[in-house]
Amino acid sequence: MTTKPPAEVNLFDADADIKKLYSAINELDEIITVPNDRNRLSFCVNLYLNNETDSVLNAIIQAQPRSTTLSYAELEKHVVKKLEEKGLT
């Protein structure tokens, strides 16, 4: 059996919008406790920012973060606030 080396990880610049998005959602770690839920939410919110879904709420519904301590409508307010803080809206 042979083992292949792992795939390369491409890191983004700190100024890249995608990096800002993922770091903004990661700051919600007290609200969404599971890291995979935060990554999935970041991916879905990125779809919103690229106009592939029509609202942040629909992105949250698509991501279905099970570990959140808030309702999806309340979570939307926190996500929008973080996006505004990072200058992404």
Protein backbone atom coordinates (compact mmCIF):
# COMPACT_ATOMS: atom_id res chain seq x y z
CA MET A 1 0.00 0.00 0.00
CA THR A 2 1.23 3.50 -0.75
CA THR A 3 0.36 6.67 1.01
CA LYS A 4 -0.08 9.84 -0.95
CA PRO A 5 0.94 13.18 0.54
CA PRO A 6 -1.92 15.38 1.75
CA ALA A 7 -3.34 18.01 -0.53
CA GLU A 8 -1.94 21.51 -0.30
CA VAL A 9 -3.83 24.07 1.72
CA ASN A 10 -4.22 27.41 -0.01
CA LEU A 11 -4.21 30.23 2.51
CA PHE A 12 -5.90 33.52 1.70
CA ASP A 13 -4.55 36.99 2.39
CA ALA A 14 -5.94 38.65 5.51
CA ASP A 15 -7.55 41.27 3.24
CA ALA A 16 -9.40 38.74 1.09
CA ASP A 17 -13.19 38.85 1.43
CA ILE A 18 -13.41 35.10 1.93
CA LYS A 19 -10.92 35.29 4.82
CA LYS A 20 -12.92 38.14 6.38
CA LEU A 21 -16.12 36.12 6.03
CA TYR A 22 -14.77 32.98 7.67
CA SER A 23 -13.15 34.96 10.49
CA ALA A 24 -16.41 36.88 11.09
CA ILE A 25 -18.40 33.66 11.41
CA ASN A 26 -15.67 32.12 13.59
CA GLU A 27 -16.15 35.01 16.01
CA LEU A 28 -19.63 33.60 16.68
CA ASP A 29 -18.10 30.62 18.49
CA GLU A 30 -20.18 31.23 21.63
CA ILE A 31 -23.39 31.16 19.59
CA ILE A 32 -22.42 28.32 17.21
CA THR A 33 -20.27 25.97 19.25
CA VAL A 34 -19.35 23.31 16.66
CA PRO A 35 -16.56 24.39 14.26
CA ASN A 36 -18.01 22.38 11.36
CA ASP A 37 -21.33 24.24 11.75
CA ARG A 38 -19.46 27.54 11.52
CA ASN A 39 -17.58 26.40 8.39
CA ARG A 40 -20.80 25.24 6.73
CA LEU A 41 -22.49 28.53 7.62
CA SER A 42 -19.53 30.48 6.21
CA PHE A 43 -19.80 28.54 2.95
CA CYS A 44 -23.54 29.24 2.69
CA VAL A 45 -23.17 32.94 3.58
CA ASN A 46 -20.52 33.11 0.85
CA LEU A 47 -23.21 31.89 -1.55
CA TYR A 48 -25.32 34.85 -0.43
CA LEU A 49 -22.45 37.29 -0.96
CA ASN A 50 -22.00 35.87 -4.47
CA ASN A 51 -25.75 36.28 -5.19
CA GLU A 52 -26.35 32.53 -5.36
CA THR A 53 -28.99 32.66 -2.62
CA ASP A 54 -31.36 35.52 -1.92
CA SER A 55 -30.92 36.25 1.81
CA VAL A 56 -28.77 35.62 4.84
CA LEU A 57 -31.70 33.82 6.47
CA ASN A 58 -31.94 31.39 3.55
CA ALA A 59 -28.18 30.81 3.79
CA ILE A 60 -28.60 30.00 7.49
CA ILE A 61 -31.50 27.66 6.75
CA GLN A 62 -29.40 25.93 4.10
CA ALA A 63 -26.45 25.54 6.51
CA GLN A 64 -28.68 24.24 9.33
CA PRO A 65 -26.28 24.98 12.21
CA ARG A 66 -27.59 22.52 14.81
CA SER A 67 -25.30 23.73 17.58
CA THR A 68 -26.65 27.29 17.61
CA THR A 69 -28.17 28.56 20.83
CA LEU A 70 -30.41 31.04 18.97
CA SER A 71 -33.30 30.87 16.56
CA TYR A 72 -32.35 31.30 12.92
CA ALA A 73 -33.95 34.78 12.81
CA GLU A 74 -31.88 35.92 15.81
CA LEU A 75 -28.77 34.33 14.34
CA GLU A 76 -29.35 36.28 11.13
CA LYS A 77 -29.08 39.55 13.09
CA HIS A 78 -25.73 38.49 14.55
CA VAL A 79 -24.39 37.36 11.17
CA VAL A 80 -25.45 40.58 9.44
CA LYS A 81 -23.84 42.61 12.24
CA LYS A 82 -20.56 40.71 11.84
CA LEU A 83 -20.66 41.16 8.06
CA GLU A 84 -21.14 44.91 8.50
CA GLU A 85 -18.25 45.06 11.01
CA LYS A 86 -15.97 43.39 8.45
CA GLY A 87 -17.21 45.61 5.61
CA LEU A 88 -18.73 42.78 3.60
CA THR A 89 -22.22 44.19 2.99
